[in-house]
Amino acid sequence: MKTLLQRVSRASVGGDGESLGSIGRGLLVLAGFRERDDEEELRWMAGKIVNLRIFPDSGQNMNLSLLDVDGQLLVVSQFTLHASCRKGRRPSFVKAAPPSQAETLYDIFLQELRGFGVEVESGRFGAMMEVELVNSGPVTIMVESPSERSGA
């Protein structure tokens, strides 16, 4: 599993003229799933995201987590995080989970995040969406699950 985290002062997602979700201070999470991902990977990633110390303390040092600042999450599925551009000019997405499996993983991931008592908004899986955000910092961090990093 891969996620791209963006620390935001606000973010929203919509599609087909409909607002799907919006947050104030928190994290926009773009989440990409692989066929090999399982609930253990999702649980690990959820814990990493809510506990990652990337919010400023009173001295402007990144010492506070999403939980510490009572932040919110906006989670958007993003299979393109698994794009491989090594060959040719067209990205390959063979490492991304097939849509039916990815949707199940996405739903489980949202449940895992909510289990931490965090307010979680989300996009609509598989929909063409427009994401708006104000990146605070800017802070943008890629987080890969342990099996992603090891190549398992």
Foldseek 3Di string as FASTA:
>chain_A
DKKKKFFFQKKFKDAPPGTQDIFGGDIEIADFAFQPDDLVLLLVVLVCQQAPQQAQDPVGDSGGGCVRVLGAYEYEYDLCVQWDCPDDHDTDSNRTHPQVVVVVSVVSSQVSNCVVVHHYTYDDRPGDMDMDGHGPVGDMDMDDGPCVVVVD
